[in-house]
PDB file of N, CA and C in Angstrom:
ATOM      1  N   MET A   1      23.629 -79.092 -65.387  1.00  0.00           N
ATOM      2  CA  MET A   1      23.150 -80.458 -65.364  1.00  0.00           C
ATOM      3  C   MET A   1      21.867 -80.533 -66.175  1.00  0.00           C
ATOM      4  N   LYS A   2      21.630 -81.696 -66.706  1.00  0.00           N
ATOM      5  CA  LYS A   2      20.449 -81.868 -67.529  1.00  0.00           C
ATOM      6  C   LYS A   2      19.984 -83.320 -67.451  1.00  0.00           C
ATOM      7  N   ILE A   3      18.666 -83.519 -67.494  1.00  0.00           N
ATOM      8  CA  ILE A   3      18.110 -84.873 -67.533  1.00  0.00           C
ATOM      9  C   ILE A   3      18.552 -85.534 -68.834  1.00  0.00           C
ATOM     10  N   LYS A   4      19.050 -86.764 -68.734  1.00  0.00           N
ATOM     11  CA  LYS A   4      19.458 -87.502 -69.928  1.00  0.00           C
ATOM     12  C   LYS A   4      18.237 -87.834 -70.776  1.00  0.00           C
ATOM     13  N   GLU A   5      18.455 -87.974 -72.067  1.00  0.00           N
ATOM     14  CA  GLU A   5      17.390 -88.444 -72.939  1.00  0.00           C
ATOM     15  C   GLU A   5      17.012 -89.855 -72.500  1.00  0.00           C
ATOM     16  N   GLY A   6      15.754 -90.197 -72.691  1.00  0.00           N
ATOM     17  CA  GLY A   6      15.304 -91.527 -72.318  1.00  0.00           C
ATOM     18  C   GLY A   6      14.509 -91.564 -71.032  1.00  0.00           C
ATOM     19  N   PHE A   7      14.130 -90.379 -70.522  1.00  0.00           N
ATOM     20  CA  PHE A   7      13.300 -90.296 -69.319  1.00  0.00           C
ATOM     21  C   PHE A   7      12.245 -89.224 -69.532  1.00  0.00           C
ATOM     22  N   VAL A   8      11.026 -89.507 -69.108  1.00  0.00           N
ATOM     23  CA  VAL A   8       9.935 -88.541 -69.209  1.00  0.00           C
ATOM     24  C   VAL A   8       9.131 -88.544 -67.914  1.00  0.00           C
ATOM     25  N   LEU A   9       8.453 -87.435 -67.659  1.00  0.00           N
ATOM     26  CA  LEU A   9       7.527 -87.365 -66.528  1.00  0.00           C
ATOM     27  C   LEU A   9       6.149 -87.785 -67.003  1.00  0.00           C
ATOM     28  N   LYS A  10       5.478 -88.582 -66.206  1.00  0.00           N
ATOM     29  CA  LYS A  10       4.119 -89.029 -66.496  1.00  0.00           C
ATOM     30  C   LYS A  10       3.286 -88.917 -65.229  1.00  0.00           C
ATOM     31  N   GLU A  11       1.990 -88.652 -65.401  1.00  0.00           N
ATOM     32  CA  GLU A  11       1.033 -88.711 -64.299  1.00  0.00           C
ATOM     33  C   GLU A  11       0.435 -90.116 -64.303  1.00  0.00           C
ATOM     34  N   ILE A  12       0.643 -90.842 -63.218  1.00  0.00           N
ATOM     35  CA  ILE A  12       0.117 -92.203 -63.113  1.00  0.00           C
ATOM     36  C   ILE A  12      -0.609 -92.329 -61.780  1.00  0.00           C
ATOM     37  N   ALA A  13      -1.890 -92.589 -61.853  1.00  0.00           N
ATOM     38  CA  ALA A  13      -2.719 -92.771 -60.654  1.00  0.00           C
ATOM     39  C   ALA A  13      -2.551 -91.616 -59.668  1.00  0.00           C
ATOM     40  N   GLY A  14      -2.520 -90.396 -60.184  1.00  0.00           N
ATOM     41  CA  GLY A  14      -2.423 -89.214 -59.338  1.00  0.00           C
ATOM     42  C   GLY A  14      -1.028 -88.880 -58.841  1.00  0.00           C
ATOM     43  N   SER A  15      -0.033 -89.631 -59.268  1.00  0.00           N
ATOM     44  CA  SER A  15       1.353 -89.383 -58.858  1.00  0.00           C
ATOM     45  C   SER A  15       2.184 -88.989 -60.071  1.00  0.00           C
ATOM     46  N   THR A  16       3.184 -88.153 -59.844  1.00  0.00           N
ATOM     47  CA  THR A  16       4.129 -87.801 -60.907  1.00  0.00           C
ATOM     48  C   THR A  16       5.271 -88.797 -60.844  1.00  0.00           C
ATOM     49  N   VAL A  17       5.530 -89.438 -61.970  1.00  0.00           N
ATOM     50  CA  VAL A  17       6.541 -90.487 -62.020  1.00  0.00           C
ATOM     51  C   VAL A  17       7.508 -90.202 -63.166  1.00  0.00           C
ATOM     52  N   ALA A  18       8.802 -90.323 -62.887  1.00  0.00           N
ATOM     53  CA  ALA A  18       9.830 -90.250 -63.923  1.00  0.00           C
ATOM     54  C   ALA A  18       9.977 -91.669 -64.468  1.00  0.00           C
ATOM     55  N   VAL A  19       9.715 -91.804 -65.751  1.00  0.00           N
ATOM     56  CA  VAL A  19       9.646 -93.123 -66.381  1.00  0.00           C
ATOM     57  C   VAL A  19      10.732 -93.255 -67.445  1.00  0.00           C
ATOM     58  N   PRO A  20      11.447 -94.387 -67.441  1.00  0.00           N
ATOM     59  CA  PRO A  20      12.412 -94.612 -68.518  1.00  0.00           C
ATOM     60  C   PRO A  20      11.683 -94.971 -69.810  1.00  0.00           C
ATOM     61  N   VAL A  21      12.215 -94.498 -70.923  1.00  0.00           N
ATOM     62  CA  VAL A  21      11.667 -94.825 -72.244  1.00  0.00           C
ATOM     63  C   VAL A  21      12.811 -95.239 -73.153  1.00  0.00           C
ATOM     64  N   GLY A  22      12.483 -95.775 -74.312  1.00  0.00           N
ATOM     65  CA  GLY A  22      13.505 -96.176 -75.273  1.00  0.00           C
ATOM     66  C   GLY A  22      14.406 -97.258 -74.706  1.00  0.00           C
ATOM     67  N   ASP A  23      15.708 -97.082 -74.876  1.00  0.00           N
ATOM     68  CA  ASP A  23      16.684 -98.073 -74.410  1.00  0.00           C
ATOM     69  C   ASP A  23      16.660 -98.249 -72.898  1.00  0.00           C
ATOM     70  N   ASN A  24      16.249 -97.222 -72.161  1.00  0.00           N
ATOM     71  CA  ASN A  24      16.191 -97.298 -70.700  1.00  0.00           C
ATOM     72  C   ASN A  24      15.012 -98.112 -70.193  1.00  0.00           C
ATOM     73  N   LEU A  25      14.055 -98.410 -71.068  1.00  0.00           N
ATOM     74  CA  LEU A  25      12.840 -99.110 -70.667  1.00  0.00           C
ATOM     75  C   LEU A  25      13.126-100.482 -70.077  1.00  0.00           C
ATOM     76  N   VAL A  26      14.229-101.094 -70.461  1.00  0.00           N
ATOM     77  CA  VAL A  26      14.555-102.433 -69.947  1.00  0.00           C
ATOM     78  C   VAL A  26      14.847-102.422 -68.454  1.00  0.00           C
ATOM     79  N   ASN A  27      15.142-101.243 -67.900  1.00  0.00           N
ATOM     80  CA  ASN A  27      15.459-101.146 -66.479  1.00  0.00           C
ATOM     81  C   ASN A  27      14.389-100.325 -65.760  1.00  0.00           C
ATOM     82  N   LEU A  28      13.299-100.973 -65.396  1.00  0.00           N
ATOM     83  CA  LEU A  28      12.205-100.273 -64.723  1.00  0.00           C
ATOM     84  C   LEU A  28      12.563 -99.844 -63.304  1.00  0.00           C
ATOM     85  N   GLN A  29      13.709-100.288 -62.792  1.00  0.00           N
ATOM     86  CA  GLN A  29      14.155 -99.822 -61.486  1.00  0.00           C
ATOM     87  C   GLN A  29      14.494 -98.337 -61.521  1.00  0.00           C
ATOM     88  N   LEU A  30      14.654 -97.779 -62.722  1.00  0.00           N
ATOM     89  CA  LEU A  30      14.952 -96.363 -62.854  1.00  0.00           C
ATOM     90  C   LEU A  30      13.704 -95.493 -62.698  1.00  0.00           C
ATOM     91  N   MET A  31      12.536 -96.092 -62.513  1.00  0.00           N
ATOM     92  CA  MET A  31      11.313 -95.331 -62.337  1.00  0.00           C
ATOM     93  C   MET A  31      11.319 -94.698 -60.947  1.00  0.00           C
ATOM     94  N   LEU A  32      11.065 -93.376 -60.897  1.00  0.00           N
ATOM     95  CA  LEU A  32      11.050 -92.654 -59.634  1.00  0.00           C
ATOM     96  C   LEU A  32       9.721 -91.945 -59.457  1.00  0.00           C
ATOM     97  N   THR A  33       9.136 -92.031 -58.272  1.00  0.00           N
ATOM     98  CA  THR A  33       7.954 -91.254 -57.947  1.00  0.00           C
ATOM     99  C   THR A  33       8.430 -89.943 -57.336  1.00  0.00           C
ATOM    100  N   LEU A  34       7.917 -88.832 -57.867  1.00  0.00           N
ATOM    101  CA  LEU A  34       8.357 -87.507 -57.431  1.00  0.00           C
ATOM    102  C   LEU A  34       7.225 -86.770 -56.729  1.00  0.00           C
ATOM    103  N   ASN A  35       7.584 -86.043 -55.670  1.00  0.00           N
ATOM    104  CA  ASN A  35       6.605 -85.166 -55.055  1.00  0.00           C
ATOM    105  C   ASN A  35       6.537 -83.879 -55.881  1.00  0.00           C
ATOM    106  N   GLU A  36       5.733 -82.927 -55.457  1.00  0.00           N
ATOM    107  CA  GLU A  36       5.529 -81.706 -56.235  1.00  0.00           C
ATOM    108  C   GLU A  36       6.834 -80.950 -56.475  1.00  0.00           C
ATOM    109  N   SER A  37       7.636 -80.789 -55.430  1.00  0.00           N
ATOM    110  CA  SER A  37       8.892 -80.046 -55.601  1.00  0.00           C
ATOM    111  C   SER A  37       9.904 -80.847 -56.425  1.00  0.00           C
ATOM    112  N   GLY A  38       9.887 -82.167 -56.311  1.00  0.00           N
ATOM    113  CA  GLY A  38      10.760 -82.999 -57.137  1.00  0.00           C
ATOM    114  C   GLY A  38      10.416 -82.878 -58.611  1.00  0.00           C
ATOM    115  N   ALA A  39       9.118 -82.860 -58.921  1.00  0.00           N
ATOM    116  CA  ALA A  39       8.678 -82.687 -60.310  1.00  0.00           C
ATOM    117  C   ALA A  39       9.078 -81.304 -60.821  1.00  0.00           C
ATOM    118  N   PHE A  40       8.977 -80.292 -59.960  1.00  0.00           N
ATOM    119  CA  PHE A  40       9.390 -78.931 -60.325  1.00  0.00           C
ATOM    120  C   PHE A  40      10.878 -78.891 -60.658  1.00  0.00           C
ATOM    121  N   LEU A  41      11.705 -79.502 -59.806  1.00  0.00           N
ATOM    122  CA  LEU A  41      13.151 -79.531 -60.050  1.00  0.00           C
ATOM    123  C   LEU A  41      13.468 -80.324 -61.313  1.00  0.00           C
ATOM    124  N   TRP A  42      12.770 -81.424 -61.530  1.00  0.00           N
ATOM    125  CA  TRP A  42      12.962 -82.232 -62.743  1.00  0.00           C
ATOM    126  C   TRP A  42      12.737 -81.373 -63.974  1.00  0.00           C
ATOM    127  N   GLN A  43      11.639 -80.618 -63.979  1.00  0.00           N
ATOM    128  CA  GLN A  43      11.323 -79.763 -65.125  1.00  0.00           C
ATOM    129  C   GLN A  43      12.398 -78.704 -65.331  1.00  0.00           C
ATOM    130  N   CYS A  44      12.964 -78.183 -64.260  1.00  0.00           N
ATOM    131  CA  CYS A  44      14.066 -77.222 -64.382  1.00  0.00           C
ATOM    132  C   CYS A  44      15.298 -77.889 -64.999  1.00  0.00           C
ATOM    133  N   LEU A  45      15.521 -79.145 -64.657  1.00  0.00           N
ATOM    134  CA  LEU A  45      16.675 -79.869 -65.185  1.00  0.00           C
ATOM    135  C   LEU A  45      16.494 -80.306 -66.639  1.00  0.00           C
ATOM    136  N   GLU A  46      15.261 -80.364 -67.111  1.00  0.00           N
ATOM    137  CA  GLU A  46      15.035 -80.765 -68.500  1.00  0.00           C
ATOM    138  C   GLU A  46      15.691 -79.789 -69.478  1.00  0.00           C
ATOM    139  N   THR A  47      15.772 -78.536 -69.108  1.00  0.00           N
ATOM    140  CA  THR A  47      16.397 -77.534 -69.977  1.00  0.00           C
ATOM    141  C   THR A  47      17.805 -77.187 -69.515  1.00  0.00           C
ATOM    142  N   GLY A  48      18.242 -77.782 -68.421  1.00  0.00           N
ATOM    143  CA  GLY A  48      19.582 -77.534 -67.898  1.00  0.00           C
ATOM    144  C   GLY A  48      19.562 -76.491 -66.795  1.00  0.00           C
ATOM    145  N   ALA A  49      20.191 -76.797 -65.693  1.00  0.00           N
ATOM    146  CA  ALA A  49      20.276 -75.875 -64.564  1.00  0.00           C
ATOM    147  C   ALA A  49      21.418 -76.321 -63.664  1.00  0.00           C
ATOM    148  N   THR A  50      22.063 -75.369 -63.054  1.00  0.00           N
ATOM    149  CA  THR A  50      23.100 -75.689 -62.076  1.00  0.00           C
ATOM    150  C   THR A  50      22.436 -75.949 -60.725  1.00  0.00           C
ATOM    151  N   GLU A  51      23.194 -76.482 -59.807  1.00  0.00           N
ATOM    152  CA  GLU A  51      22.670 -76.723 -58.468  1.00  0.00           C
ATOM    153  C   GLU A  51      22.255 -75.399 -57.818  1.00  0.00           C
ATOM    154  N   GLU A  52      23.041 -74.362 -58.041  1.00  0.00           N
ATOM    155  CA  GLU A  52      22.726 -73.035 -57.507  1.00  0.00           C
ATOM    156  C   GLU A  52      21.416 -72.510 -58.106  1.00  0.00           C
ATOM    157  N   GLU A  53      21.241 -72.663 -59.409  1.00  0.00           N
ATOM    158  CA  GLU A  53      20.007 -72.217 -60.064  1.00  0.00           C
ATOM    159  C   GLU A  53      18.800 -72.985 -59.544  1.00  0.00           C
ATOM    160  N   LEU A  54      18.967 -74.281 -59.313  1.00  0.00           N
ATOM    161  CA  LEU A  54      17.866 -75.081 -58.768  1.00  0.00           C
ATOM    162  C   LEU A  54      17.470 -74.583 -57.381  1.00  0.00           C
ATOM    163  N   THR A  55      18.462 -74.254 -56.563  1.00  0.00           N
ATOM    164  CA  THR A  55      18.185 -73.732 -55.227  1.00  0.00           C
ATOM    165  C   THR A  55      17.434 -72.415 -55.310  1.00  0.00           C
ATOM    166  N   GLU A  56      17.882 -71.526 -56.189  1.00  0.00           N
ATOM    167  CA  GLU A  56      17.208 -70.236 -56.365  1.00  0.00           C
ATOM    168  C   GLU A  56      15.767 -70.418 -56.834  1.00  0.00           C
ATOM    169  N   LYS A  57      15.563 -71.305 -57.788  1.00  0.00           N
ATOM    170  CA  LYS A  57      14.221 -71.549 -58.327  1.00  0.00           C
ATOM    171  C   LYS A  57      13.316 -72.162 -57.260  1.00  0.00           C
ATOM    172  N   LEU A  58      13.865 -73.066 -56.458  1.00  0.00           N
ATOM    173  CA  LEU A  58      13.081 -73.718 -55.409  1.00  0.00           C
ATOM    174  C   LEU A  58      12.634 -72.714 -54.347  1.00  0.00           C
ATOM    175  N   THR A  59      13.536 -71.842 -53.928  1.00  0.00           N
ATOM    176  CA  THR A  59      13.168 -70.841 -52.915  1.00  0.00           C
ATOM    177  C   THR A  59      12.200 -69.806 -53.482  1.00  0.00           C
ATOM    178  N   ALA A  60      12.274 -69.529 -54.777  1.00  0.00           N
ATOM    179  CA  ALA A  60      11.349 -68.579 -55.400  1.00  0.00           C
ATOM    180  C   ALA A  60       9.956 -69.186 -55.561  1.00  0.00           C
ATOM    181  N   GLU A  61       9.887 -70.480 -55.827  1.00  0.00           N
ATOM    182  CA  GLU A  61       8.612 -71.145 -56.093  1.00  0.00           C
ATOM    183  C   GLU A  61       7.894 -71.579 -54.816  1.00  0.00           C
ATOM    184  N   TYR A  62       8.651 -71.979 -53.804  1.00  0.00           N
ATOM    185  CA  TYR A  62       8.080 -72.527 -52.573  1.00  0.00           C
ATOM    186  C   TYR A  62       8.534 -71.712 -51.372  1.00  0.00           C
ATOM    187  N   ASP A  63       7.781 -71.803 -50.314  1.00  0.00           N
ATOM    188  CA  ASP A  63       8.110 -71.102 -49.072  1.00  0.00           C
ATOM    189  C   ASP A  63       9.100 -71.946 -48.277  1.00  0.00           C
ATOM    190  N   VAL A  64      10.360 -71.892 -48.705  1.00  0.00           N
ATOM    191  CA  VAL A  64      11.416 -72.679 -48.064  1.00  0.00           C
ATOM    192  C   VAL A  64      12.666 -71.809 -47.959  1.00  0.00           C
ATOM    193  N   ASP A  65      13.371 -71.925 -46.840  1.00  0.00           N
ATOM    194  CA  ASP A  65      14.568 -71.088 -46.705  1.00  0.00           C
ATOM    195  C   ASP A  65      15.736 -71.684 -47.479  1.00  0.00           C
ATOM    196  N   ASP A  66      16.745 -70.878 -47.673  1.00  0.00           N
ATOM    197  CA  ASP A  66      17.877 -71.222 -48.527  1.00  0.00           C
ATOM    198  C   ASP A  66      18.614 -72.479 -48.052  1.00  0.00           C
ATOM    199  N   ILE A  67      18.795 -72.625 -46.770  1.00  0.00           N
ATOM    200  CA  ILE A  67      19.539 -73.773 -46.237  1.00  0.00           C
ATOM    201  C   ILE A  67      18.796 -75.078 -46.524  1.00  0.00           C
ATOM    202  N   ILE A  68      17.504 -75.094 -46.245  1.00  0.00           N
ATOM    203  CA  ILE A  68      16.696 -76.296 -46.508  1.00  0.00           C
ATOM    204  C   ILE A  68      16.659 -76.583 -48.009  1.00  0.00           C
ATOM    205  N   ALA A  69      16.490 -75.533 -48.821  1.00  0.00           N
ATOM    206  CA  ALA A  69      16.452 -75.713 -50.276  1.00  0.00           C
ATOM    207  C   ALA A  69      17.754 -76.324 -50.781  1.00  0.00           C
ATOM    208  N   ARG A  70      18.893 -75.835 -50.298  1.00  0.00           N
ATOM    209  CA  ARG A  70      20.195 -76.383 -50.706  1.00  0.00           C
ATOM    210  C   ARG A  70      20.304 -77.867 -50.356  1.00  0.00           C
ATOM    211  N   GLN A  71      19.869 -78.216 -49.151  1.00  0.00           N
ATOM    212  CA  GLN A  71      19.923 -79.615 -48.722  1.00  0.00           C
ATOM    213  C   GLN A  71      19.019 -80.488 -49.590  1.00  0.00           C
ATOM    214  N   ASP A  72      17.810 -80.002 -49.861  1.00  0.00           N
ATOM    215  CA  ASP A  72      16.861 -80.761 -50.669  1.00  0.00           C
ATOM    216  C   ASP A  72      17.365 -80.941 -52.106  1.00  0.00           C
ATOM    217  N   VAL A  73      17.911 -79.870 -52.677  1.00  0.00           N
ATOM    218  CA  VAL A  73      18.446 -79.943 -54.040  1.00  0.00           C
ATOM    219  C   VAL A  73      19.616 -80.916 -54.083  1.00  0.00           C
ATOM    220  N   ALA A  74      20.513 -80.844 -53.110  1.00  0.00           N
ATOM    221  CA  ALA A  74      21.676 -81.746 -53.075  1.00  0.00           C
ATOM    222  C   ALA A  74      21.228 -83.204 -52.992  1.00  0.00           C
ATOM    223  N   GLU A  75      20.225 -83.483 -52.183  1.00  0.00           N
ATOM    224  CA  GLU A  75      19.728 -84.856 -52.046  1.00  0.00           C
ATOM    225  C   GLU A  75      19.061 -85.319 -53.346  1.00  0.00           C
ATOM    226  N   PHE A  76      18.288 -84.451 -53.969  1.00  0.00           N
ATOM    227  CA  PHE A  76      17.630 -84.785 -55.231  1.00  0.00           C
ATOM    228  C   PHE A  76      18.669 -85.091 -56.311  1.00  0.00           C
ATOM    229  N   ILE A  77      19.681 -84.241 -56.414  1.00  0.00           N
ATOM    230  CA  ILE A  77      20.757 -84.439 -57.401  1.00  0.00           C
ATOM    231  C   ILE A  77      21.490 -85.757 -57.122  1.00  0.00           C
ATOM    232  N   LYS A  78      21.725 -86.044 -55.858  1.00  0.00           N
ATOM    233  CA  LYS A  78      22.412 -87.285 -55.474  1.00  0.00           C
ATOM    234  C   LYS A  78      21.636 -88.509 -55.973  1.00  0.00           C
ATOM    235  N   VAL A  79      20.328 -88.514 -55.773  1.00  0.00           N
ATOM    236  CA  VAL A  79      19.497 -89.636 -56.223  1.00  0.00           C
ATOM    237  C   VAL A  79      19.553 -89.768 -57.747  1.00  0.00           C
ATOM    238  N   LEU A  80      19.469 -88.641 -58.449  1.00  0.00           N
ATOM    239  CA  LEU A  80      19.520 -88.681 -59.914  1.00  0.00           C
ATOM    240  C   LEU A  80      20.876 -89.177 -60.409  1.00  0.00           C
ATOM    241  N   LYS A  81      21.954 -88.749 -59.761  1.00  0.00           N
ATOM    242  CA  LYS A  81      23.297 -89.208 -60.149  1.00  0.00           C
ATOM    243  C   LYS A  81      23.452 -90.705 -59.887  1.00  0.00           C
ATOM    244  N   GLU A  82      22.988 -91.158 -58.730  1.00  0.00           N
ATOM    245  CA  GLU A  82      23.094 -92.582 -58.386  1.00  0.00           C
ATOM    246  C   GLU A  82      22.374 -93.458 -59.398  1.00  0.00           C
ATOM    247  N   ASN A  83      21.316 -92.918 -60.004  1.00  0.00           N
ATOM    248  CA  ASN A  83      20.530 -93.663 -60.982  1.00  0.00           C
ATOM    249  C   ASN A  83      20.894 -93.320 -62.420  1.00  0.00           C
ATOM    250  N   HIS A  84      21.965 -92.560 -62.587  1.00  0.00           N
ATOM    251  CA  HIS A  84      22.488 -92.194 -63.917  1.00  0.00           C
ATOM    252  C   HIS A  84      21.413 -91.523 -64.785  1.00  0.00           C
ATOM    253  N   ILE A  85      20.685 -90.590 -64.174  1.00  0.00           N
ATOM    254  CA  ILE A  85      19.583 -89.929 -64.852  1.00  0.00           C
ATOM    255  C   ILE A  85      19.978 -88.534 -65.343  1.00  0.00           C
ATOM    256  N   ILE A  86      21.038 -87.955 -64.804  1.00  0.00           N
ATOM    257  CA  ILE A  86      21.441 -86.614 -65.240  1.00  0.00           C
ATOM    258  C   ILE A  86      22.829 -86.612 -65.849  1.00  0.00           C
ATOM    259  N   ASP A  87      23.004 -85.675 -66.790  1.00  0.00           N
ATOM    260  CA  ASP A  87      24.311 -85.353 -67.335  1.00  0.00           C
ATOM    261  C   ASP A  87      24.797 -84.106 -66.624  1.00  0.00           C
ATOM    262  N   GLU A  88      26.056 -84.075 -66.283  1.00  0.00           N
ATOM    263  CA  GLU A  88      26.569 -82.914 -65.565  1.00  0.00           C
ATOM    264  C   GLU A  88      27.124 -81.855 -66.490  1.00  0.00           C
ATOM    265  N   ALA A  89      27.060 -82.055 -67.786  1.00  0.00           N
ATOM    266  CA  ALA A  89      27.598 -81.083 -68.734  1.00  0.00           C
ATOM    267  C   ALA A  89      26.743 -79.844 -68.793  1.00  0.00           C
TER     268      ALA A  89
END
Protein backbone atom coordinates (compact mmCIF):
# COMPACT_ATOMS: atom_id res chain seq x y z
CA MET A 1 0.00 0.00 0.00
CA LYS A 2 1.13 3.51 -0.63
CA ILE A 3 -0.14 7.04 0.01
CA LYS A 4 -1.62 8.44 -3.20
CA GLU A 5 -0.02 11.47 -4.77
CA GLY A 6 -1.75 14.67 -3.77
CA PHE A 7 -1.33 14.41 0.01
CA VAL A 8 1.44 15.74 2.24
CA LEU A 9 2.14 15.91 5.96
CA LYS A 10 2.35 19.38 7.47
CA GLU A 11 2.92 20.72 10.98
CA ILE A 12 0.09 23.14 11.75
CA ALA A 13 -0.25 24.76 15.16
CA GLY A 14 1.72 21.95 16.80
CA SER A 15 -0.29 19.17 15.16
CA THR A 16 0.66 16.84 12.31
CA VAL A 17 -1.94 17.09 9.57
CA ALA A 18 -2.31 15.17 6.31
CA VAL A 19 -3.27 17.85 3.81
CA PRO A 20 -4.62 17.44 0.28
CA VAL A 21 -2.71 19.30 -2.43
CA GLY A 22 -3.13 19.76 -6.17
CA ASP A 23 -6.38 18.34 -7.53
CA ASN A 24 -7.32 17.04 -4.06
CA LEU A 25 -7.24 20.57 -2.61
CA VAL A 26 -10.88 21.13 -3.60
CA ASN A 27 -11.92 18.58 -0.96
CA LEU A 28 -10.65 19.84 2.38
CA GLN A 29 -12.68 17.13 4.10
CA LEU A 30 -9.74 14.87 3.24
CA MET A 31 -7.59 16.71 5.81
CA LEU A 32 -6.70 14.40 8.71
CA THR A 33 -5.06 15.24 12.02
CA LEU A 34 -2.61 12.49 12.98
CA ASN A 35 -1.16 11.57 16.34
CA GLU A 36 2.51 10.61 16.63
CA SER A 37 2.00 6.96 15.70
CA GLY A 38 -0.36 7.90 12.85
CA ALA A 39 2.29 10.23 11.41
CA PHE A 40 4.86 7.42 11.77
CA LEU A 41 2.61 4.98 9.87
CA TRP A 42 1.89 7.62 7.22
CA GLN A 43 5.62 8.06 6.62
CA CYS A 44 6.01 4.28 6.28
CA LEU A 45 3.22 4.27 3.71
CA GLU A 46 4.81 7.06 1.67
CA THR A 47 7.38 4.57 0.38
CA GLY A 48 5.00 1.60 0.39
CA ALA A 49 4.40 -0.98 3.10
CA THR A 50 2.13 -3.93 3.69
CA GLU A 51 -0.17 -4.14 6.68
CA GLU A 52 2.17 -6.74 8.18
CA GLU A 53 5.20 -4.46 7.68
CA LEU A 54 3.34 -1.57 9.31
CA THR A 55 2.57 -3.75 12.33
CA GLU A 56 6.21 -4.82 12.61
CA LYS A 57 7.44 -1.23 12.32
CA LEU A 58 4.91 -0.01 14.89
CA THR A 59 5.90 -2.63 17.47
CA ALA A 60 9.60 -1.90 16.85
CA GLU A 61 9.17 1.87 17.22
CA TYR A 62 6.69 1.98 20.12
CA ASP A 63 6.12 -0.03 23.27
CA VAL A 64 2.99 -1.78 22.03
CA ASP A 65 2.18 -5.47 21.79
CA ASP A 66 1.48 -7.20 18.51
CA ILE A 67 -2.28 -7.57 19.00
CA ILE A 68 -2.84 -3.88 19.78
CA ALA A 69 -0.51 -2.86 16.93
CA ARG A 70 -2.47 -5.03 14.45
CA GLN A 71 -5.75 -3.48 15.58
CA ASP A 72 -4.37 0.05 15.38
CA VAL A 73 -2.86 -0.52 11.93
CA ALA A 74 -6.11 -2.06 10.64
CA GLU A 75 -8.12 0.92 11.90
CA PHE A 76 -5.64 3.41 10.41
CA ILE A 77 -5.73 1.63 7.03
CA LYS A 78 -9.55 1.56 7.17
CA VAL A 79 -9.71 5.35 7.63
CA LEU A 80 -7.26 5.92 4.77
CA LYS A 81 -9.21 3.59 2.47
CA GLU A 82 -12.53 5.24 3.35
CA ASN A 83 -11.01 8.58 2.36
CA HIS A 84 -9.37 7.20 -0.80
CA ILE A 85 -5.92 8.22 0.42
CA ILE A 86 -4.02 4.97 -0.22
CA ASP A 87 -3.33 2.78 -3.22
CA GLU A 88 -3.29 -0.91 -2.47
CA ALA A 89 -0.85 -1.76 -5.26
